[in-house]
């Protein structure tokens, strides 16, 4: 039995918070699309490189899931992200999962605290 999409998305957020690049990269599909308020990349190699940069630029990342909504193949998670214990961001991630249980799209939208 495969993991439910919500479990996959929450595991991704946990591994991202832990800055576990190997685990995060294993969760990405080859054709992943990654977009936030600063960047837009397509393909696993480019998505891993952007994730690596984020991890290198942050000494610590804390992710608090405020709420989470699930449909057939996507999760919308409202997050409070604290970077380096001082910079707080309110973000909504829309994470899409393919039939193989791999993340094939992450679209992040920044909001206000």
PDB file of N, CA and C in Angstrom:
ATOM      1  N   UNK A   1       0.839  -1.187   0.000  1.00  0.00           N
ATOM      2  CA  UNK A   1       0.000   0.000   0.000  1.00  0.00           C
ATOM      3  C   UNK A   1       0.887   1.254   0.000  1.00  0.00           C
ATOM      4  N   UNK A   2       0.541   2.194  -0.852  1.00  0.00           N
ATOM      5  CA  UNK A   2       1.320   3.422  -0.922  1.00  0.00           C
ATOM      6  C   UNK A   2       0.856   4.408   0.143  1.00  0.00           C
ATOM      7  N   UNK A   3       1.714   5.334   0.443  1.00  0.00           N
ATOM      8  CA  UNK A   3       1.384   6.364   1.427  1.00  0.00           C
ATOM      9  C   UNK A   3       0.337   7.303   0.841  1.00  0.00           C
ATOM     10  N   UNK A   4      -0.504   7.814   1.696  1.00  0.00           N
ATOM     11  CA  UNK A   4      -1.469   8.820   1.272  1.00  0.00           C
ATOM     12  C   UNK A   4      -0.715  10.111   0.972  1.00  0.00           C
ATOM     13  N   UNK A   5      -1.291  10.912   0.098  1.00  0.00           N
ATOM     14  CA  UNK A   5      -0.641  12.145  -0.322  1.00  0.00           C
ATOM     15  C   UNK A   5      -0.333  13.082   0.840  1.00  0.00           C
ATOM     16  N   UNK A   6      -1.231  13.166   1.809  1.00  0.00           N
ATOM     17  CA  UNK A   6      -0.984  14.044   2.958  1.00  0.00           C
ATOM     18  C   UNK A   6       0.244  13.571   3.729  1.00  0.00           C
ATOM     19  N   UNK A   7       0.380  12.261   3.902  1.00  0.00           N
ATOM     20  CA  UNK A   7       1.546  11.721   4.608  1.00  0.00           C
ATOM     21  C   UNK A   7       2.827  12.031   3.845  1.00  0.00           C
ATOM     22  N   UNK A   8       2.784  11.933   2.531  1.00  0.00           N
ATOM     23  CA  UNK A   8       3.956  12.237   1.701  1.00  0.00           C
ATOM     24  C   UNK A   8       4.329  13.711   1.854  1.00  0.00           C
ATOM     25  N   UNK A   9       3.336  14.591   1.760  1.00  0.00           N
ATOM     26  CA  UNK A   9       3.597  16.032   1.865  1.00  0.00           C
ATOM     27  C   UNK A   9       4.148  16.393   3.246  1.00  0.00           C
ATOM     28  N   UNK A  10       3.574  15.829   4.292  1.00  0.00           N
ATOM     29  CA  UNK A  10       4.058  16.133   5.644  1.00  0.00           C
ATOM     30  C   UNK A  10       5.454  15.567   5.879  1.00  0.00           C
ATOM     31  N   UNK A  11       5.748  14.409   5.307  1.00  0.00           N
ATOM     32  CA  UNK A  11       7.103  13.857   5.406  1.00  0.00           C
ATOM     33  C   UNK A  11       8.089  14.760   4.663  1.00  0.00           C
ATOM     34  N   UNK A  12       7.704  15.248   3.492  1.00  0.00           N
ATOM     35  CA  UNK A  12       8.549  16.182   2.747  1.00  0.00           C
ATOM     36  C   UNK A  12       8.868  17.407   3.607  1.00  0.00           C
ATOM     37  N   UNK A  13       7.846  17.997   4.236  1.00  0.00           N
ATOM     38  CA  UNK A  13       8.067  19.183   5.062  1.00  0.00           C
ATOM     39  C   UNK A  13       8.983  18.884   6.238  1.00  0.00           C
ATOM     40  N   UNK A  14       8.837  17.710   6.828  1.00  0.00           N
ATOM     41  CA  UNK A  14       9.704  17.299   7.939  1.00  0.00           C
ATOM     42  C   UNK A  14      11.152  17.166   7.472  1.00  0.00           C
ATOM     43  N   UNK A  15      11.353  16.505   6.329  1.00  0.00           N
ATOM     44  CA  UNK A  15      12.707  16.316   5.807  1.00  0.00           C
ATOM     45  C   UNK A  15      13.304  17.650   5.355  1.00  0.00           C
ATOM     46  N   UNK A  16      12.471  18.552   4.846  1.00  0.00           N
ATOM     47  CA  UNK A  16      12.941  19.883   4.474  1.00  0.00           C
ATOM     48  C   UNK A  16      13.401  20.630   5.723  1.00  0.00           C
ATOM     49  N   UNK A  17      12.596  20.562   6.775  1.00  0.00           N
ATOM     50  CA  UNK A  17      12.952  21.214   8.037  1.00  0.00           C
ATOM     51  C   UNK A  17      14.269  20.668   8.583  1.00  0.00           C
ATOM     52  N   UNK A  18      14.499  19.379   8.397  1.00  0.00           N
ATOM     53  CA  UNK A  18      15.738  18.738   8.852  1.00  0.00           C
ATOM     54  C   UNK A  18      16.914  19.011   7.909  1.00  0.00           C
ATOM     55  N   UNK A  19      16.637  19.678   6.795  1.00  0.00           N
ATOM     56  CA  UNK A  19      17.641  19.959   5.761  1.00  0.00           C
ATOM     57  C   UNK A  19      18.277  18.652   5.253  1.00  0.00           C
ATOM     58  N   UNK A  20      17.434  17.640   5.073  1.00  0.00           N
ATOM     59  CA  UNK A  20      17.855  16.313   4.620  1.00  0.00           C
ATOM     60  C   UNK A  20      17.716  16.253   3.098  1.00  0.00           C
ATOM     61  N   UNK A  21      18.748  16.736   2.408  1.00  0.00           N
ATOM     62  CA  UNK A  21      18.695  16.847   0.952  1.00  0.00           C
ATOM     63  C   UNK A  21      18.512  15.491   0.274  1.00  0.00           C
ATOM     64  N   UNK A  22      19.150  14.464   0.790  1.00  0.00           N
ATOM     65  CA  UNK A  22      19.030  13.142   0.181  1.00  0.00           C
ATOM     66  C   UNK A  22      17.584  12.646   0.215  1.00  0.00           C
ATOM     67  N   UNK A  23      16.943  12.752   1.363  1.00  0.00           N
ATOM     68  CA  UNK A  23      15.551  12.303   1.479  1.00  0.00           C
ATOM     69  C   UNK A  23      14.615  13.151   0.622  1.00  0.00           C
ATOM     70  N   UNK A  24      14.823  14.464   0.633  1.00  0.00           N
ATOM     71  CA  UNK A  24      13.994  15.355  -0.177  1.00  0.00           C
ATOM     72  C   UNK A  24      14.138  15.002  -1.658  1.00  0.00           C
ATOM     73  N   UNK A  25      15.361  14.804  -2.113  1.00  0.00           N
ATOM     74  CA  UNK A  25      15.571  14.510  -3.539  1.00  0.00           C
ATOM     75  C   UNK A  25      14.935  13.179  -3.930  1.00  0.00           C
ATOM     76  N   UNK A  26      14.922  12.211  -3.030  1.00  0.00           N
ATOM     77  CA  UNK A  26      14.281  10.928  -3.322  1.00  0.00           C
ATOM     78  C   UNK A  26      12.768  11.067  -3.479  1.00  0.00           C
ATOM     79  N   UNK A  27      12.210  12.110  -2.897  1.00  0.00           N
ATOM     80  CA  UNK A  27      10.761  12.321  -2.965  1.00  0.00           C
ATOM     81  C   UNK A  27      10.333  13.033  -4.243  1.00  0.00           C
ATOM     82  N   UNK A  28      11.292  13.650  -4.958  1.00  0.00           N
ATOM     83  CA  UNK A  28      10.988  14.405  -6.173  1.00  0.00           C
ATOM     84  C   UNK A  28      10.849  13.485  -7.378  1.00  0.00           C
ATOM     85  N   UNK A  29       9.874  13.786  -8.248  1.00  0.00           N
ATOM     86  CA  UNK A  29       9.781  13.106  -9.538  1.00  0.00           C
ATOM     87  C   UNK A  29      10.826  13.712 -10.475  1.00  0.00           C
ATOM     88  N   UNK A  30      11.128  13.032 -11.546  1.00  0.00           N
ATOM     89  CA  UNK A  30      12.119  13.525 -12.512  1.00  0.00           C
ATOM     90  C   UNK A  30      11.673  14.828 -13.168  1.00  0.00           C
ATOM     91  N   UNK A  31      10.356  15.002 -13.340  1.00  0.00           N
ATOM     92  CA  UNK A  31       9.833  16.176 -14.053  1.00  0.00           C
ATOM     93  C   UNK A  31       9.246  17.220 -13.101  1.00  0.00           C
ATOM     94  N   UNK A  32       9.742  17.272 -11.881  1.00  0.00           N
ATOM     95  CA  UNK A  32       9.192  18.195 -10.878  1.00  0.00           C
ATOM     96  C   UNK A  32       9.241  19.642 -11.353  1.00  0.00           C
ATOM     97  N   UNK A  33       8.210  20.380 -10.975  1.00  0.00           N
ATOM     98  CA  UNK A  33       8.101  21.809 -11.229  1.00  0.00           C
ATOM     99  C   UNK A  33       8.100  22.498  -9.872  1.00  0.00           C
ATOM    100  N   UNK A  34       9.008  23.442  -9.683  1.00  0.00           N
ATOM    101  CA  UNK A  34       9.160  24.131  -8.397  1.00  0.00           C
ATOM    102  C   UNK A  34       9.064  25.629  -8.638  1.00  0.00           C
ATOM    103  N   UNK A  35       8.135  26.277  -7.907  1.00  0.00           N
ATOM    104  CA  UNK A  35       7.972  27.729  -8.066  1.00  0.00           C
ATOM    105  C   UNK A  35       7.652  28.354  -6.721  1.00  0.00           C
ATOM    106  N   UNK A  36       8.330  29.477  -6.440  1.00  0.00           N
ATOM    107  CA  UNK A  36       7.958  30.302  -5.299  1.00  0.00           C
ATOM    108  C   UNK A  36       8.007  31.759  -5.720  1.00  0.00           C
ATOM    109  N   UNK A  37       8.065  32.662  -4.769  1.00  0.00           N
ATOM    110  CA  UNK A  37       8.028  34.087  -5.071  1.00  0.00           C
ATOM    111  C   UNK A  37       9.342  34.601  -5.640  1.00  0.00           C
ATOM    112  N   UNK A  38      10.384  33.769  -5.679  1.00  0.00           N
ATOM    113  CA  UNK A  38      11.685  34.196  -6.202  1.00  0.00           C
ATOM    114  C   UNK A  38      12.145  33.399  -7.419  1.00  0.00           C
ATOM    115  N   UNK A  39      11.791  32.134  -7.496  1.00  0.00           N
ATOM    116  CA  UNK A  39      12.355  31.259  -8.526  1.00  0.00           C
ATOM    117  C   UNK A  39      11.273  30.402  -9.193  1.00  0.00           C
ATOM    118  N   UNK A  40      11.633  29.876 -10.358  1.00  0.00           N
ATOM    119  CA  UNK A  40      10.810  28.888 -11.050  1.00  0.00           C
ATOM    120  C   UNK A  40      11.763  27.959 -11.784  1.00  0.00           C
ATOM    121  N   UNK A  41      11.718  26.658 -11.464  1.00  0.00           N
ATOM    122  CA  UNK A  41      12.590  25.688 -12.122  1.00  0.00           C
ATOM    123  C   UNK A  41      11.788  24.443 -12.484  1.00  0.00           C
ATOM    124  N   UNK A  42      12.271  23.752 -13.512  1.00  0.00           N
ATOM    125  CA  UNK A  42      11.672  22.495 -13.927  1.00  0.00           C
ATOM    126  C   UNK A  42      12.759  21.439 -14.002  1.00  0.00           C
ATOM    127  N   UNK A  43      12.426  20.240 -13.552  1.00  0.00           N
ATOM    128  CA  UNK A  43      13.362  19.126 -13.587  1.00  0.00           C
ATOM    129  C   UNK A  43      13.996  18.871 -12.238  1.00  0.00           C
ATOM    130  N   UNK A  44      14.236  17.605 -11.965  1.00  0.00           N
ATOM    131  CA  UNK A  44      14.736  17.191 -10.658  1.00  0.00           C
ATOM    132  C   UNK A  44      16.091  17.795 -10.322  1.00  0.00           C
ATOM    133  N   UNK A  45      16.999  17.798 -11.276  1.00  0.00           N
ATOM    134  CA  UNK A  45      18.346  18.318 -11.015  1.00  0.00           C
ATOM    135  C   UNK A  45      18.310  19.780 -10.578  1.00  0.00           C
ATOM    136  N   UNK A  46      17.525  20.600 -11.280  1.00  0.00           N
ATOM    137  CA  UNK A  46      17.431  22.022 -10.940  1.00  0.00           C
ATOM    138  C   UNK A  46      16.702  22.231  -9.612  1.00  0.00           C
ATOM    139  N   UNK A  47      15.686  21.421  -9.345  1.00  0.00           N
ATOM    140  CA  UNK A  47      14.952  21.538  -8.082  1.00  0.00           C
ATOM    141  C   UNK A  47      15.844  21.165  -6.904  1.00  0.00           C
ATOM    142  N   UNK A  48      16.657  20.143  -7.073  1.00  0.00           N
ATOM    143  CA  UNK A  48      17.591  19.752  -6.008  1.00  0.00           C
ATOM    144  C   UNK A  48      18.610  20.853  -5.771  1.00  0.00           C
ATOM    145  N   UNK A  49      19.104  21.470  -6.837  1.00  0.00           N
ATOM    146  CA  UNK A  49      20.082  22.549  -6.693  1.00  0.00           C
ATOM    147  C   UNK A  49      19.477  23.742  -5.941  1.00  0.00           C
ATOM    148  N   UNK A  50      18.242  24.110  -6.250  1.00  0.00           N
ATOM    149  CA  UNK A  50      17.582  25.209  -5.534  1.00  0.00           C
ATOM    150  C   UNK A  50      17.376  24.853  -4.066  1.00  0.00           C
ATOM    151  N   UNK A  51      16.999  23.610  -3.801  1.00  0.00           N
ATOM    152  CA  UNK A  51      16.815  23.159  -2.423  1.00  0.00           C
ATOM    153  C   UNK A  51      18.138  23.189  -1.677  1.00  0.00           C
ATOM    154  N   UNK A  52      19.209  22.754  -2.327  1.00  0.00           N
ATOM    155  CA  UNK A  52      20.543  22.792  -1.721  1.00  0.00           C
ATOM    156  C   UNK A  52      20.918  24.223  -1.352  1.00  0.00           C
ATOM    157  N   UNK A  53      20.654  25.171  -2.241  1.00  0.00           N
ATOM    158  CA  UNK A  53      20.956  26.578  -1.960  1.00  0.00           C
ATOM    159  C   UNK A  53      20.183  27.074  -0.738  1.00  0.00           C
ATOM    160  N   UNK A  54      18.896  26.709  -0.659  1.00  0.00           N
ATOM    161  CA  UNK A  54      18.093  27.116   0.493  1.00  0.00           C
ATOM    162  C   UNK A  54      18.672  26.561   1.786  1.00  0.00           C
ATOM    163  N   UNK A  55      19.072  25.303   1.750  1.00  0.00           N
ATOM    164  CA  UNK A  55      19.648  24.677   2.945  1.00  0.00           C
ATOM    165  C   UNK A  55      20.964  25.344   3.334  1.00  0.00           C
ATOM    166  N   UNK A  56      21.796  25.680   2.354  1.00  0.00           N
ATOM    167  CA  UNK A  56      23.083  26.311   2.642  1.00  0.00           C
ATOM    168  C   UNK A  56      22.915  27.724   3.197  1.00  0.00           C
ATOM    169  N   UNK A  57      21.858  28.410   2.777  1.00  0.00           N
ATOM    170  CA  UNK A  57      21.632  29.792   3.194  1.00  0.00           C
ATOM    171  C   UNK A  57      20.948  29.912   4.553  1.00  0.00           C
ATOM    172  N   UNK A  58      20.535  28.804   5.128  1.00  0.00           N
ATOM    173  CA  UNK A  58      19.828  28.842   6.413  1.00  0.00           C
ATOM    174  C   UNK A  58      20.531  27.943   7.420  1.00  0.00           C
ATOM    175  N   UNK A  59      20.872  28.519   8.552  1.00  0.00           N
ATOM    176  CA  UNK A  59      21.439  27.697   9.623  1.00  0.00           C
ATOM    177  C   UNK A  59      20.378  26.787  10.220  1.00  0.00           C
ATOM    178  N   UNK A  60      19.145  27.302  10.306  1.00  0.00           N
ATOM    179  CA  UNK A  60      18.053  26.483  10.833  1.00  0.00           C
ATOM    180  C   UNK A  60      16.756  26.823  10.106  1.00  0.00           C
ATOM    181  N   UNK A  61      15.902  25.822   9.997  1.00  0.00           N
ATOM    182  CA  UNK A  61      14.580  25.983   9.403  1.00  0.00           C
ATOM    183  C   UNK A  61      13.591  25.264  10.313  1.00  0.00           C
ATOM    184  N   UNK A  62      12.557  25.986  10.733  1.00  0.00           N
ATOM    185  CA  UNK A  62      11.493  25.369  11.524  1.00  0.00           C
ATOM    186  C   UNK A  62      10.195  25.556  10.740  1.00  0.00           C
ATOM    187  N   UNK A  63       9.461  24.465  10.535  1.00  0.00           N
ATOM    188  CA  UNK A  63       8.210  24.522   9.789  1.00  0.00           C
ATOM    189  C   UNK A  63       7.070  24.071  10.691  1.00  0.00           C
ATOM    190  N   UNK A  64       6.126  24.972  10.891  1.00  0.00           N
ATOM    191  CA  UNK A  64       4.913  24.651  11.657  1.00  0.00           C
ATOM    192  C   UNK A  64       3.748  24.587  10.670  1.00  0.00           C
ATOM    193  N   UNK A  65       3.063  23.442  10.622  1.00  0.00           N
ATOM    194  CA  UNK A  65       1.899  23.288   9.758  1.00  0.00           C
ATOM    195  C   UNK A  65       0.692  23.843  10.501  1.00  0.00           C
ATOM    196  N   UNK A  66       0.120  24.914   9.971  1.00  0.00           N
ATOM    197  CA  UNK A  66      -1.037  25.553  10.589  1.00  0.00           C
ATOM    198  C   UNK A  66      -2.314  24.817  10.179  1.00  0.00           C
ATOM    199  N   UNK A  67      -2.439  24.538   8.895  1.00  0.00           N
ATOM    200  CA  UNK A  67      -3.584  23.774   8.402  1.00  0.00           C
ATOM    201  C   UNK A  67      -3.183  23.066   7.119  1.00  0.00           C
ATOM    202  N   UNK A  68      -3.971  22.068   6.776  1.00  0.00           N
ATOM    203  CA  UNK A  68      -3.642  21.243   5.622  1.00  0.00           C
ATOM    204  C   UNK A  68      -4.936  20.758   4.972  1.00  0.00           C
ATOM    205  N   UNK A  69      -5.054  20.953   3.674  1.00  0.00           N
ATOM    206  CA  UNK A  69      -6.206  20.488   2.917  1.00  0.00           C
ATOM    207  C   UNK A  69      -5.724  19.511   1.849  1.00  0.00           C
ATOM    208  N   UNK A  70      -6.510  18.469   1.600  1.00  0.00           N
ATOM    209  CA  UNK A  70      -6.103  17.429   0.656  1.00  0.00           C
ATOM    210  C   UNK A  70      -7.201  17.189  -0.360  1.00  0.00           C
ATOM    211  N   UNK A  71      -6.806  17.021  -1.641  1.00  0.00           N
ATOM    212  CA  UNK A  71      -7.737  16.513  -2.634  1.00  0.00           C
ATOM    213  C   UNK A  71      -7.093  15.295  -3.286  1.00  0.00           C
ATOM    214  N   UNK A  72      -7.548  14.893  -4.451  1.00  0.00           N
ATOM    215  CA  UNK A  72      -7.079  13.645  -5.056  1.00  0.00           C
ATOM    216  C   UNK A  72      -5.570  13.548  -5.203  1.00  0.00           C
ATOM    217  N   UNK A  73      -4.922  14.584  -5.725  1.00  0.00           N
ATOM    218  CA  UNK A  73      -3.484  14.476  -5.958  1.00  0.00           C
ATOM    219  C   UNK A  73      -2.681  15.669  -5.448  1.00  0.00           C
ATOM    220  N   UNK A  74      -3.305  16.527  -4.643  1.00  0.00           N
ATOM    221  CA  UNK A  74      -2.607  17.713  -4.150  1.00  0.00           C
ATOM    222  C   UNK A  74      -2.920  17.979  -2.686  1.00  0.00           C
ATOM    223  N   UNK A  75      -1.974  18.650  -2.050  1.00  0.00           N
ATOM    224  CA  UNK A  75      -2.099  19.091  -0.668  1.00  0.00           C
ATOM    225  C   UNK A  75      -1.852  20.598  -0.658  1.00  0.00           C
ATOM    226  N   UNK A  76      -2.669  21.331   0.062  1.00  0.00           N
ATOM    227  CA  UNK A  76      -2.407  22.745   0.312  1.00  0.00           C
ATOM    228  C   UNK A  76      -2.110  22.862   1.803  1.00  0.00           C
ATOM    229  N   UNK A  77      -0.915  23.325   2.118  1.00  0.00           N
ATOM    230  CA  UNK A  77      -0.499  23.426   3.513  1.00  0.00           C
ATOM    231  C   UNK A  77      -0.166  24.874   3.841  1.00  0.00           C
ATOM    232  N   UNK A  78      -0.857  25.411   4.849  1.00  0.00           N
ATOM    233  CA  UNK A  78      -0.536  26.735   5.359  1.00  0.00           C
ATOM    234  C   UNK A  78       0.555  26.547   6.405  1.00  0.00           C
ATOM    235  N   UNK A  79       1.666  27.248   6.223  1.00  0.00           N
ATOM    236  CA  UNK A  79       2.853  27.020   7.040  1.00  0.00           C
ATOM    237  C   UNK A  79       3.360  28.305   7.677  1.00  0.00           C
ATOM    238  N   UNK A  80       3.905  28.159   8.862  1.00  0.00           N
ATOM    239  CA  UNK A  80       4.699  29.221   9.475  1.00  0.00           C
ATOM    240  C   UNK A  80       6.129  28.699   9.455  1.00  0.00           C
ATOM    241  N   UNK A  81       6.973  29.383   8.704  1.00  0.00           N
ATOM    242  CA  UNK A  81       8.363  28.960   8.547  1.00  0.00           C
ATOM    243  C   UNK A  81       9.255  29.983   9.242  1.00  0.00           C
ATOM    244  N   UNK A  82      10.112  29.480  10.116  1.00  0.00           N
ATOM    245  CA  UNK A  82      11.065  30.343  10.811  1.00  0.00           C
ATOM    246  C   UNK A  82      12.466  29.956  10.356  1.00  0.00           C
ATOM    247  N   UNK A  83      13.166  30.936   9.801  1.00  0.00           N
ATOM    248  CA  UNK A  83      14.514  30.720   9.293  1.00  0.00           C
ATOM    249  C   UNK A  83      15.492  31.393  10.245  1.00  0.00           C
ATOM    250  N   UNK A  84      16.515  30.638  10.645  1.00  0.00           N
ATOM    251  CA  UNK A  84      17.554  31.151  11.546  1.00  0.00           C
ATOM    252  C   UNK A  84      16.987  31.731  12.833  1.00  0.00           C
ATOM    253  N   UNK A  85      15.875  31.190  13.281  1.00  0.00           N
ATOM    254  CA  UNK A  85      15.227  31.550  14.538  1.00  0.00           C
ATOM    255  C   UNK A  85      14.719  32.988  14.602  1.00  0.00           C
ATOM    256  N   UNK A  86      14.832  33.760  13.505  1.00  0.00           N
ATOM    257  CA  UNK A  86      14.389  35.156  13.555  1.00  0.00           C
ATOM    258  C   UNK A  86      13.466  35.556  12.410  1.00  0.00           C
ATOM    259  N   UNK A  87      13.680  35.043  11.220  1.00  0.00           N
ATOM    260  CA  UNK A  87      12.878  35.430  10.063  1.00  0.00           C
ATOM    261  C   UNK A  87      11.660  34.522   9.966  1.00  0.00           C
ATOM    262  N   UNK A  88      10.462  35.125  10.146  1.00  0.00           N
ATOM    263  CA  UNK A  88       9.228  34.349  10.090  1.00  0.00           C
ATOM    264  C   UNK A  88       8.491  34.618   8.788  1.00  0.00           C
ATOM    265  N   UNK A  89       8.071  33.539   8.143  1.00  0.00           N
ATOM    266  CA  UNK A  89       7.333  33.621   6.888  1.00  0.00           C
ATOM    267  C   UNK A  89       6.030  32.862   7.031  1.00  0.00           C
ATOM    268  N   UNK A  90       4.964  33.412   6.467  1.00  0.00           N
ATOM    269  CA  UNK A  90       3.718  32.674   6.332  1.00  0.00           C
ATOM    270  C   UNK A  90       3.626  32.272   4.874  1.00  0.00           C
ATOM    271  N   UNK A  91       3.504  30.971   4.640  1.00  0.00           N
ATOM    272  CA  UNK A  91       3.580  30.435   3.287  1.00  0.00           C
ATOM    273  C   UNK A  91       2.463  29.418   3.091  1.00  0.00           C
ATOM    274  N   UNK A  92       1.931  29.365   1.881  1.00  0.00           N
ATOM    275  CA  UNK A  92       1.055  28.269   1.490  1.00  0.00           C
ATOM    276  C   UNK A  92       1.790  27.490   0.408  1.00  0.00           C
ATOM    277  N   UNK A  93       2.018  26.216   0.677  1.00  0.00           N
ATOM    278  CA  UNK A  93       2.601  25.308  -0.307  1.00  0.00           C
ATOM    279  C   UNK A  93       1.486  24.471  -0.908  1.00  0.00           C
ATOM    280  N   UNK A  94       1.454  24.412  -2.221  1.00  0.00           N
ATOM    281  CA  UNK A  94       0.569  23.480  -2.907  1.00  0.00           C
ATOM    282  C   UNK A  94       1.475  22.407  -3.487  1.00  0.00           C
ATOM    283  N   UNK A  95       1.344  21.203  -2.949  1.00  0.00           N
ATOM    284  CA  UNK A  95       2.228  20.087  -3.291  1.00  0.00           C
ATOM    285  C   UNK A  95       1.408  19.047  -4.039  1.00  0.00           C
ATOM    286  N   UNK A  96       1.820  18.740  -5.263  1.00  0.00           N
ATOM    287  CA  UNK A  96       1.120  17.729  -6.071  1.00  0.00           C
ATOM    288  C   UNK A  96       1.945  16.454  -6.106  1.00  0.00           C
ATOM    289  N   UNK A  97       1.249  15.333  -6.037  1.00  0.00           N
ATOM    290  CA  UNK A  97       1.870  14.008  -5.974  1.00  0.00           C
ATOM    291  C   UNK A  97       1.412  13.203  -7.190  1.00  0.00           C
ATOM    292  N   UNK A  98       2.353  12.543  -7.857  1.00  0.00           N
ATOM    293  CA  UNK A  98       1.971  11.719  -9.012  1.00  0.00           C
ATOM    294  C   UNK A  98       1.521  10.325  -8.572  1.00  0.00           C
ATOM    295  N   UNK A  99       1.146   9.502  -9.534  1.00  0.00           N
ATOM    296  CA  UNK A  99       0.628   8.157  -9.234  1.00  0.00           C
ATOM    297  C   UNK A  99       1.666   7.243  -8.593  1.00  0.00           C
ATOM    298  N   UNK A 100       2.947   7.563  -8.750  1.00  0.00           N
ATOM    299  CA  UNK A 100       4.017   6.764  -8.147  1.00  0.00           C
ATOM    300  C   UNK A 100       4.354   7.227  -6.732  1.00  0.00           C
ATOM    301  N   UNK A 101       3.624   8.235  -6.233  1.00  0.00           N
ATOM    302  CA  UNK A 101       3.886   8.737  -4.888  1.00  0.00           C
ATOM    303  C   UNK A 101       5.050   9.707  -4.817  1.00  0.00           C
ATOM    304  N   UNK A 102       5.453  10.258  -5.957  1.00  0.00           N
ATOM    305  CA  UNK A 102       6.543  11.237  -6.016  1.00  0.00           C
ATOM    306  C   UNK A 102       5.961  12.642  -6.149  1.00  0.00           C
ATOM    307  N   UNK A 103       6.646  13.613  -5.569  1.00  0.00           N
ATOM    308  CA  UNK A 103       6.224  15.004  -5.669  1.00  0.00           C
ATOM    309  C   UNK A 103       6.583  15.511  -7.064  1.00  0.00           C
ATOM    310  N   UNK A 104       5.567  15.956  -7.803  1.00  0.00           N
ATOM    311  CA  UNK A 104       5.846  16.446  -9.156  1.00  0.00           C
ATOM    312  C   UNK A 104       5.607  17.947  -9.307  1.00  0.00           C
ATOM    313  N   UNK A 105       5.158  18.593  -8.221  1.00  0.00           N
ATOM    314  CA  UNK A 105       4.974  20.041  -8.291  1.00  0.00           C
ATOM    315  C   UNK A 105       4.906  20.613  -6.881  1.00  0.00           C
ATOM    316  N   UNK A 106       5.628  21.709  -6.671  1.00  0.00           N
ATOM    317  CA  UNK A 106       5.503  22.486  -5.440  1.00  0.00           C
ATOM    318  C   UNK A 106       5.396  23.950  -5.852  1.00  0.00           C
ATOM    319  N   UNK A 107       4.288  24.554  -5.466  1.00  0.00           N
ATOM    320  CA  UNK A 107       4.076  25.974  -5.722  1.00  0.00           C
ATOM    321  C   UNK A 107       3.895  26.634  -4.370  1.00  0.00           C
ATOM    322  N   UNK A 108       4.770  27.597  -4.061  1.00  0.00           N
ATOM    323  CA  UNK A 108       4.760  28.249  -2.760  1.00  0.00           C
ATOM    324  C   UNK A 108       4.355  29.714  -2.912  1.00  0.00           C
ATOM    325  N   UNK A 109       3.455  30.142  -2.032  1.00  0.00           N
ATOM    326  CA  UNK A 109       2.942  31.494  -2.048  1.00  0.00           C
ATOM    327  C   UNK A 109       3.175  32.117  -0.682  1.00  0.00           C
ATOM    328  N   UNK A 110       3.790  33.291  -0.671  1.00  0.00           N
ATOM    329  CA  UNK A 110       4.105  33.962   0.595  1.00  0.00           C
ATOM    330  C   UNK A 110       2.959  34.892   0.964  1.00  0.00           C
ATOM    331  N   UNK A 111       2.684  34.995   2.271  1.00  0.00           N
ATOM    332  CA  UNK A 111       1.639  35.867   2.769  1.00  0.00           C
ATOM    333  C   UNK A 111       2.164  36.766   3.856  1.00  0.00           C
ATOM    334  N   UNK A 112       1.272  37.261   4.644  1.00  0.00           N
ATOM    335  CA  UNK A 112       1.627  38.158   5.747  1.00  0.00           C
ATOM    336  C   UNK A 112       1.383  37.461   7.071  1.00  0.00           C
ATOM    337  N   UNK A 113       2.158  37.851   8.055  1.00  0.00           N
ATOM    338  CA  UNK A 113       1.977  37.299   9.415  1.00  0.00           C
ATOM    339  C   UNK A 113       0.756  37.917  10.059  1.00  0.00           C
TER     340      UNK A 113
END
